Amino acid sequence: FGKPFKPVRTAFTTACKHANLTGVTPHTLRHTFASRLGMTGANDRTLQALERWKEPKMIQRYTHLSETHLAETVEKIGQNFTTLFTTSKVQSA
C-alpha cells in the first residue's frame, strides 16, 4: 500500500518550511482560529463551543485582536458619530 502516513506534526512542519513560515506549530492554529472567529463578531459562547473549552477563561488566553481589527473598529465608531451628528443637524433644520 505504499509508504505509511507521516505523523501530522512532521507533515505540518514540512508544509511550513515550504511556505517559509517560522515559529508556527499546529497549536498556533488554535490561536489563529479563535482570534479570527472572535474578530468576525462571534460571541463568547460560540467560541467556547467551537473550541470545546470547558472554562470561559480560555477565550482570553486564545483570542487576540489584530491592530488592523482595532483600527477598523475605531473607524466604524467615528463613522457612527459622523452619521449621528449629521442626521441630528438635518432633522433639527
Protein backbone atom coordinates (compact mmCIF):
# COMPACT_ATOMS: atom_id res chain seq x y z
CA PHE A 1 0.00 0.00 0.00
CA GLY A 2 2.95 2.37 -0.23
CA LYS A 3 4.64 4.34 2.50
CA PRO A 4 2.97 4.83 5.88
CA PHE A 5 1.50 8.24 6.64
CA LYS A 6 3.89 10.68 8.28
CA PRO A 7 2.85 11.99 11.65
CA VAL A 8 0.72 15.11 11.39
CA ARG A 9 3.36 17.24 13.10
CA THR A 10 6.02 16.21 10.58
CA ALA A 11 3.72 16.96 7.65
CA PHE A 12 2.80 20.31 9.18
CA THR A 13 6.45 21.21 9.75
CA THR A 14 7.29 20.31 6.15
CA ALA A 15 4.41 22.45 4.85
CA CYS A 16 5.58 25.40 6.96
CA LYS A 17 9.12 25.07 5.63
CA HIS A 18 7.84 25.09 2.04
CA ALA A 19 5.79 28.22 2.84
CA ASN A 20 8.78 29.90 4.55
CA LEU A 21 6.89 30.12 7.85
CA THR A 22 8.90 30.08 11.06
CA GLY A 23 7.73 29.66 14.63
CA VAL A 24 4.42 28.11 13.59
CA THR A 25 3.18 24.91 15.22
CA PRO A 26 -0.11 23.01 14.97
CA HIS A 27 -1.03 24.63 18.28
CA THR A 28 -0.71 28.05 16.61
CA LEU A 29 -3.78 27.13 14.57
CA ARG A 30 -5.94 27.13 17.72
CA HIS A 31 -4.92 30.71 18.46
CA THR A 32 -5.45 31.73 14.82
CA PHE A 33 -8.88 30.09 14.62
CA ALA A 34 -10.07 31.60 17.91
CA SER A 35 -8.72 35.05 17.04
CA ARG A 36 -10.24 35.14 13.57
CA LEU A 37 -13.56 33.85 14.85
CA GLY A 38 -13.57 36.46 17.60
CA MET A 39 -12.81 39.24 15.12
CA THR A 40 -15.80 38.20 12.99
CA GLY A 41 -18.03 39.06 15.93
CA ALA A 42 -18.71 35.56 17.25
CA ASN A 43 -19.87 35.69 20.85
CA ASP A 44 -18.04 34.03 23.73
CA ARG A 45 -20.40 31.05 23.93
CA THR A 46 -19.84 30.29 20.25
CA LEU A 47 -16.07 30.48 20.70
CA GLN A 48 -16.22 28.25 23.75
CA ALA A 49 -18.40 25.67 21.98
CA LEU A 50 -16.37 25.51 18.77
CA GLU A 51 -13.05 25.23 20.59
CA ARG A 52 -14.61 22.79 23.10
CA TRP A 53 -13.31 24.69 26.10
CA LYS A 54 -14.78 23.89 29.50
CA GLU A 55 -13.66 27.18 31.04
CA PRO A 56 -14.59 30.62 29.64
CA LYS A 57 -11.16 31.92 30.73
CA MET A 58 -9.67 30.05 27.76
CA ILE A 59 -11.27 32.63 25.47
CA GLN A 60 -8.97 35.29 26.93
CA ARG A 61 -5.95 33.04 26.54
CA TYR A 62 -6.53 32.07 22.91
CA THR A 63 -8.14 35.09 21.26
CA HIS A 64 -6.04 38.02 20.13
CA LEU A 65 -7.19 41.15 18.31
CA SER A 66 -5.09 42.41 15.42
CA GLU A 67 -4.06 46.06 15.16
CA THR A 68 -5.97 46.23 11.87
CA HIS A 69 -9.15 44.97 13.54
CA LEU A 70 -8.82 47.53 16.34
CA ALA A 71 -8.21 50.37 13.86
CA GLU A 72 -11.21 49.33 11.74
CA THR A 73 -13.41 49.22 14.84
CA VAL A 74 -12.36 52.73 15.85
CA GLU A 75 -13.04 53.90 12.28
CA LYS A 76 -16.58 52.44 12.44
CA ILE A 77 -17.21 54.28 15.70
CA GLY A 78 -16.06 57.50 14.05
CA GLN A 79 -18.41 56.90 11.12
CA ASN A 80 -21.29 56.28 13.52
CA PHE A 81 -20.63 59.59 15.30
CA THR A 82 -20.44 61.42 11.97
CA THR A 83 -23.76 59.91 10.88
CA LEU A 84 -25.34 60.70 14.25
CA PHE A 85 -24.33 64.36 14.20
CA THR A 86 -25.11 64.82 10.51
CA THR A 87 -28.56 63.26 10.93
CA SER A 88 -29.27 65.38 14.02
CA LYS A 89 -28.45 68.60 12.15
CA VAL A 90 -30.65 67.65 9.21
CA GLN A 91 -33.60 66.74 11.43
CA SER A 92 -33.37 69.92 13.51
CA ALA A 93 -33.15 72.23 10.47
